[in-house]
Protein backbone atom coordinates (compact mmCIF):
# COMPACT_ATOMS: atom_id res chain seq x y z
CA UNK A 1 -20.72 -9.70 12.46
CA UNK A 2 -19.48 -8.73 8.87
CA UNK A 3 -21.27 -10.05 5.64
CA UNK A 4 -20.09 -12.00 2.78
CA UNK A 5 -19.82 -10.24 -0.52
CA UNK A 6 -22.77 -10.12 -2.52
CA UNK A 7 -23.39 -11.95 -5.85
CA UNK A 8 -25.91 -12.06 -8.31
CA UNK A 9 -26.63 -15.75 -9.28
CA UNK A 10 -28.02 -16.40 -12.93
CA UNK A 11 -30.03 -19.88 -11.89
CA UNK A 12 -31.42 -21.88 -14.62
CA UNK A 13 -34.70 -23.90 -13.64
CA UNK A 14 -36.66 -26.53 -15.60
CA UNK A 15 -38.94 -25.71 -18.60
CA UNK A 16 -40.89 -28.35 -18.09
CA UNK A 17 -40.32 -31.38 -16.47
CA UNK A 18 -39.11 -30.41 -12.75
CA UNK A 19 -36.97 -33.39 -12.05
CA UNK A 20 -34.40 -31.24 -14.37
CA UNK A 21 -33.40 -29.26 -11.60
CA UNK A 22 -29.87 -29.25 -10.85
CA UNK A 23 -28.33 -29.83 -7.33
CA UNK A 24 -26.49 -26.75 -7.83
CA UNK A 25 -29.57 -24.83 -8.40
CA UNK A 26 -31.28 -25.95 -5.30
CA UNK A 27 -28.70 -24.99 -3.55
CA UNK A 28 -28.20 -21.90 -4.72
CA UNK A 29 -31.93 -21.18 -4.48
CA UNK A 30 -31.80 -22.02 -0.71
CA UNK A 31 -29.21 -19.61 0.28
CA UNK A 32 -30.36 -16.99 -1.71
CA UNK A 33 -31.56 -13.75 0.05
CA UNK A 34 -33.72 -13.31 -2.43
CA UNK A 35 -34.97 -14.47 -5.42
CA UNK A 36 -35.85 -12.39 -8.58
CA UNK A 37 -38.09 -13.64 -11.05
CA UNK A 38 -40.62 -12.91 -13.78
CA UNK A 39 -43.71 -13.93 -12.47
CA UNK A 40 -43.51 -14.92 -8.94
CA UNK A 41 -46.45 -17.41 -8.75
CA UNK A 42 -44.98 -19.55 -11.42
CA UNK A 43 -41.33 -19.31 -9.38
CA UNK A 44 -43.71 -20.49 -6.25
CA UNK A 45 -44.65 -23.77 -7.55
CA UNK A 46 -40.93 -24.50 -8.26
CA UNK A 47 -40.09 -23.52 -4.80
CA UNK A 48 -43.10 -25.67 -3.04
CA UNK A 49 -42.02 -28.27 -5.08
CA UNK A 50 -38.44 -28.04 -3.71
CA UNK A 51 -39.90 -27.39 -0.25
CA UNK A 52 -38.05 -23.99 0.16
CA UNK A 53 -39.57 -20.97 1.31
CA UNK A 54 -37.58 -18.05 0.23
CA UNK A 55 -38.89 -14.36 -0.22
CA UNK A 56 -39.48 -12.79 -4.05
CA UNK A 57 -39.74 -9.96 -6.18
CA UNK A 58 -41.19 -9.90 -9.42
CA UNK A 59 -38.63 -8.53 -12.27
CA UNK A 60 -40.65 -8.42 -15.32
CA UNK A 61 -40.11 -6.48 -18.83
CA UNK A 62 -41.70 -3.57 -17.68
CA UNK A 63 -40.07 -2.85 -13.83
CA UNK A 64 -37.25 -3.88 -15.48
CA UNK A 65 -35.21 -0.24 -15.45
CA UNK A 66 -37.24 0.76 -11.74
CA UNK A 67 -35.77 -2.53 -10.15
CA UNK A 68 -32.63 -2.86 -11.67
CA UNK A 69 -30.59 0.21 -9.65
CA UNK A 70 -32.36 -1.63 -6.43
CA UNK A 71 -31.31 -5.22 -7.07
CA UNK A 72 -27.55 -4.40 -8.01
CA UNK A 73 -27.52 -2.10 -4.47
CA UNK A 74 -28.63 -4.91 -2.46
CA UNK A 75 -26.10 -6.74 -4.13
CA UNK A 76 -23.48 -4.74 -3.42
CA UNK A 77 -24.78 -4.63 0.31
CA UNK A 78 -23.58 -8.31 0.38
CA UNK A 79 -26.93 -9.92 -0.35
CA UNK A 80 -26.91 -13.03 -2.61
CA UNK A 81 -29.67 -12.63 -5.19
CA UNK A 82 -30.71 -15.36 -7.58
CA UNK A 83 -31.88 -14.47 -10.36
CA UNK A 84 -34.42 -17.08 -12.28
CA UNK A 85 -37.08 -16.66 -15.61
CA UNK A 86 -40.06 -18.44 -15.53
CA UNK A 87 -38.48 -21.65 -16.99
CA UNK A 88 -35.01 -22.17 -18.72
CA UNK A 89 -32.27 -19.76 -18.53
CA UNK A 90 -32.51 -16.14 -17.19
CA UNK A 91 -31.24 -13.49 -19.53
CA UNK A 92 -32.25 -15.29 -23.11
CA UNK A 93 -35.21 -13.54 -24.61
CA UNK A 94 -36.21 -12.03 -21.03
CA UNK A 95 -35.49 -8.62 -19.22
CA UNK A 96 -32.44 -10.49 -17.08
CA UNK A 97 -30.06 -9.21 -19.83
CA UNK A 98 -30.57 -6.26 -18.17
CA UNK A 99 -29.87 -6.86 -14.69
CA UNK A 100 -26.71 -9.07 -15.82
CA UNK A 101 -25.30 -5.55 -17.75
CA UNK A 102 -26.24 -3.69 -14.93
CA UNK A 103 -24.40 -5.97 -12.95
CA UNK A 104 -21.24 -5.92 -14.66
CA UNK A 105 -21.06 -2.34 -15.27
CA UNK A 106 -21.36 -1.73 -11.81
CA UNK A 107 -18.81 -4.43 -11.03
CA UNK A 108 -20.86 -7.21 -8.67
CA UNK A 109 -19.95 -10.49 -9.01
CA UNK A 110 -21.66 -12.67 -10.71
CA UNK A 111 -22.35 -16.30 -11.27
CA UNK A 112 -23.97 -18.64 -13.94
CA UNK A 113 -25.85 -21.87 -12.27
CA UNK A 114 -26.13 -23.77 -15.74
CA UNK A 115 -29.69 -25.39 -16.41
CA UNK A 116 -32.06 -26.56 -19.60
CA UNK A 117 -32.14 -24.35 -22.32
CA UNK A 118 -35.51 -24.48 -24.70
CA UNK A 119 -33.15 -22.99 -27.38
CA UNK A 120 -30.33 -25.80 -27.10
CA UNK A 121 -32.94 -28.82 -26.71
CA UNK A 122 -35.10 -28.03 -29.49
CA UNK A 123 -32.01 -28.18 -31.56
CA UNK A 124 -30.39 -31.02 -30.92
CA UNK A 125 -33.93 -33.34 -30.88
CA UNK A 126 -34.50 -31.80 -33.97
CA UNK A 127 -32.07 -33.66 -36.06
CA UNK A 128 -31.02 -30.73 -38.48
CA UNK A 129 -27.44 -29.41 -38.14
CA UNK A 130 -26.13 -28.05 -34.69
CA UNK A 131 -22.50 -27.25 -35.55
CA UNK A 132 -23.31 -23.65 -36.29
CA UNK A 133 -26.71 -22.10 -35.20
CA UNK A 134 -28.16 -18.33 -35.16
CA UNK A 135 -30.57 -17.74 -32.11
CA UNK A 136 -33.27 -14.76 -33.27
CA UNK A 137 -35.98 -15.18 -30.48
CA UNK A 138 -39.37 -14.31 -31.32
CA UNK A 139 -40.07 -12.45 -34.57
CA UNK A 140 -41.48 -8.88 -33.90
CA UNK A 141 -44.60 -8.26 -33.93
CA UNK A 142 -44.65 -5.10 -36.32
CA UNK A 143 -46.24 -4.46 -39.70
CA UNK A 144 -45.78 -6.71 -42.16
CA UNK A 145 -43.00 -4.97 -44.35
CA UNK A 146 -41.16 -4.52 -41.06
CA UNK A 147 -41.46 -8.55 -40.22
CA UNK A 148 -40.31 -9.19 -44.25
CA UNK A 149 -37.23 -7.15 -43.63
CA UNK A 150 -36.21 -8.69 -40.34
CA UNK A 151 -36.38 -12.14 -42.23
CA UNK A 152 -34.92 -10.69 -45.20
CA UNK A 153 -32.12 -10.08 -43.23
CA UNK A 154 -31.92 -13.89 -42.11
CA UNK A 155 -31.92 -15.26 -45.65
CA UNK A 156 -28.31 -15.37 -46.40
CA UNK A 157 -27.35 -17.03 -42.93
CA UNK A 158 -25.68 -20.44 -43.26
CA UNK A 159 -26.27 -21.55 -40.03
CA UNK A 160 -29.35 -23.39 -38.32
CA UNK A 161 -31.78 -20.67 -37.73
CA UNK A 162 -33.71 -21.17 -34.26
CA UNK A 163 -36.85 -18.91 -33.42
CA UNK A 164 -39.25 -19.07 -30.17
CA UNK A 165 -42.95 -19.01 -31.44
CA UNK A 166 -46.45 -19.35 -29.92
CA UNK A 167 -49.50 -21.06 -30.55
CA UNK A 168 -51.15 -17.57 -32.25
CA UNK A 169 -48.35 -16.41 -33.79
CA UNK A 170 -46.48 -19.94 -35.37
CA UNK A 171 -49.07 -19.84 -38.54
CA UNK A 172 -48.42 -16.50 -39.53
CA UNK A 173 -44.84 -16.44 -38.79
CA UNK A 174 -44.41 -20.14 -40.75
CA UNK A 175 -46.11 -18.52 -44.09
CA UNK A 176 -43.51 -15.26 -43.90
CA UNK A 177 -40.89 -17.52 -43.11
CA UNK A 178 -41.86 -19.70 -45.86
CA UNK A 179 -42.26 -16.88 -48.31
CA UNK A 180 -38.67 -15.28 -47.49
CA UNK A 181 -36.51 -18.20 -47.15
CA UNK A 182 -38.21 -21.23 -49.32
CA UNK A 183 -38.89 -24.39 -48.73
CA UNK A 184 -36.37 -25.54 -46.02
CA UNK A 185 -36.36 -28.66 -43.90
CA UNK A 186 -37.05 -27.37 -40.31
CA UNK A 187 -38.52 -28.54 -37.39
CA UNK A 188 -41.23 -27.80 -34.54
CA UNK A 189 -40.57 -28.60 -30.84
CA UNK A 190 -43.00 -28.21 -28.60
CA UNK A 191 -44.01 -28.78 -24.81
CA UNK A 192 -40.08 -29.98 -24.73
CA UNK A 193 -39.74 -32.34 -21.14
CA UNK A 194 -43.59 -32.28 -20.65
CA UNK A 195 -45.72 -35.45 -21.04
CA UNK A 196 -47.05 -34.05 -24.43
CA UNK A 197 -43.38 -33.67 -26.23
CA UNK A 198 -43.78 -33.84 -29.55
CA UNK A 199 -40.92 -33.39 -32.50
CA UNK A 200 -42.44 -32.51 -36.19
CA UNK A 201 -39.98 -32.67 -38.64
CA UNK A 202 -40.61 -31.39 -42.69
CA UNK A 203 -40.23 -28.79 -44.65
CA UNK A 204 -42.07 -24.90 -44.05
CA UNK A 205 -44.76 -26.28 -46.18
CA UNK A 206 -45.41 -29.46 -44.44
CA UNK A 207 -45.63 -27.52 -41.11
CA UNK A 208 -47.89 -25.61 -42.35
CA UNK A 209 -49.97 -28.62 -43.86
CA UNK A 210 -49.65 -30.13 -40.39
CA UNK A 211 -51.20 -26.65 -38.87
CA UNK A 212 -54.00 -26.90 -41.66
CA UNK A 213 -55.28 -30.21 -39.74
CA UNK A 214 -54.40 -29.46 -36.13
CA UNK A 215 -53.82 -26.84 -33.56
CA UNK A 216 -50.87 -26.76 -31.85
CA UNK A 217 -50.57 -25.32 -28.00
CA UNK A 218 -48.01 -24.74 -25.62
CA UNK A 219 -44.28 -23.17 -25.83
CA UNK A 220 -42.38 -23.97 -29.17
CA UNK A 221 -39.07 -23.38 -30.68
CA UNK A 222 -38.97 -23.39 -34.54
CA UNK A 223 -35.43 -25.02 -35.88
CA UNK A 224 -34.66 -24.10 -39.66
CA UNK A 225 -31.84 -25.49 -41.82
CA UNK A 226 -29.41 -22.34 -43.02
CA UNK A 227 -28.71 -21.63 -46.38
CA UNK A 228 -26.63 -23.88 -48.38
CA UNK A 229 -26.50 -22.07 -51.58
CA UNK A 230 -25.10 -18.94 -50.38
CA UNK A 231 -22.13 -18.39 -52.91
CA UNK A 232 -19.87 -15.13 -51.77
CA UNK A 233 -18.47 -13.43 -54.35
CA UNK A 234 -14.92 -13.16 -54.25
CA UNK A 235 -13.61 -9.36 -54.66
CA UNK A 236 -11.69 -8.38 -57.86
CA UNK A 237 -8.19 -7.49 -55.20
CA UNK A 238 -8.43 -10.92 -53.44
CA UNK A 239 -8.83 -12.72 -57.19
CA UNK A 240 -6.25 -10.98 -58.45
CA UNK A 241 -4.12 -11.96 -55.67
CA UNK A 242 -4.54 -15.61 -56.08
CA UNK A 243 -4.34 -15.10 -59.72
CA UNK A 244 -0.61 -13.38 -58.05
CA UNK A 245 -0.07 -16.59 -56.19
CA UNK A 246 -0.57 -19.12 -58.86
CA UNK A 247 1.62 -17.53 -61.60
CA UNK A 248 4.10 -17.32 -58.93
CA UNK A 249 3.32 -21.32 -58.67
CA UNK A 250 3.89 -21.88 -62.18
CA UNK A 251 1.01 -22.15 -63.27
CA UNK A 252 0.05 -20.31 -66.92
CA UNK A 253 -1.91 -16.97 -67.08
CA UNK A 254 -4.60 -18.59 -68.96
CA UNK A 255 -5.05 -21.35 -66.79
CA UNK A 256 -5.09 -19.46 -63.79
CA UNK A 257 -7.64 -17.49 -64.86
CA UNK A 258 -9.78 -20.54 -65.90
CA UNK A 259 -9.69 -22.18 -62.62
CA UNK A 260 -10.31 -19.06 -60.94
CA UNK A 261 -13.37 -18.15 -63.08
CA UNK A 262 -14.42 -21.90 -61.95
CA UNK A 263 -13.78 -22.25 -58.52
CA UNK A 264 -14.94 -18.98 -57.20
CA UNK A 265 -17.65 -18.43 -60.21
CA UNK A 266 -16.14 -15.16 -60.99
CA UNK A 267 -16.01 -13.56 -64.68
CA UNK A 268 -12.91 -14.40 -66.13
CA UNK A 269 -12.91 -11.52 -68.45
CA UNK A 270 -13.91 -9.06 -65.57
CA UNK A 271 -10.72 -10.67 -64.20
CA UNK A 272 -8.88 -10.44 -66.70
CA UNK A 273 -9.47 -6.56 -67.54
CA UNK A 274 -8.88 -5.71 -63.94
CA UNK A 275 -5.35 -7.22 -64.33
CA UNK A 276 -4.79 -5.15 -67.78
CA UNK A 277 -5.47 -1.87 -65.74
CA UNK A 278 -3.10 -3.14 -63.11
CA UNK A 279 -0.30 -3.43 -65.62
CA UNK A 280 -0.90 -0.10 -66.97
CA UNK A 281 -0.40 1.86 -63.71
């Protein structure tokens, strides 16, 4: 009997409430030949809840390189492999991304089974702008200067910023973010979909005040408003092009210089000198 073509399934699993598992996810987990997971103990809890008995293999950060080739070999041999994380979508801040890349590099079939995501759930419940966002994941466990450099690189991003934080790092992370980003509106969404689900809203300094009074436990997502005060300076050549367009539209030179200076927050005298330099060439 010829075996069907194999596939690597990326299966989203609940981030807390087991009722959030999808019907399709249940079917794929039932039909899979093997389930690759971060922690077999965590996945076993879900499988037992669903009444599914299935062979599992641990696929963790410390074993990803040695096991990725073996798992894709199995897919190439016609096996259906379901990749899951401990909670949420595999490949988001976990070793799953390495396995997915290996699958594409070797040309095997990959399918995604969408499911809950702490990132998206935290964003939409936060009340902060959601039309444009940047997910960073965990801040690095590095020396102070290295951590400051990472956050400084995020300072001018205008999109809403999203981080994963732990109970052990939340205070240290908030202090760093407040220092570099300023006192922006933010929210901590913790224990999402679970019994003790909670969203704490306020500025970064207000969130720190909350921490001074109580200890936050559980898995947390930190959402911070993006930089709304970034002004991108227009280069002189671009300013000159706008100036030329305004002249062609009948605007007088003096008025064009004034308008560009006001609208783009640039130096009128500097642009005028640039224009004179163009005429001399």
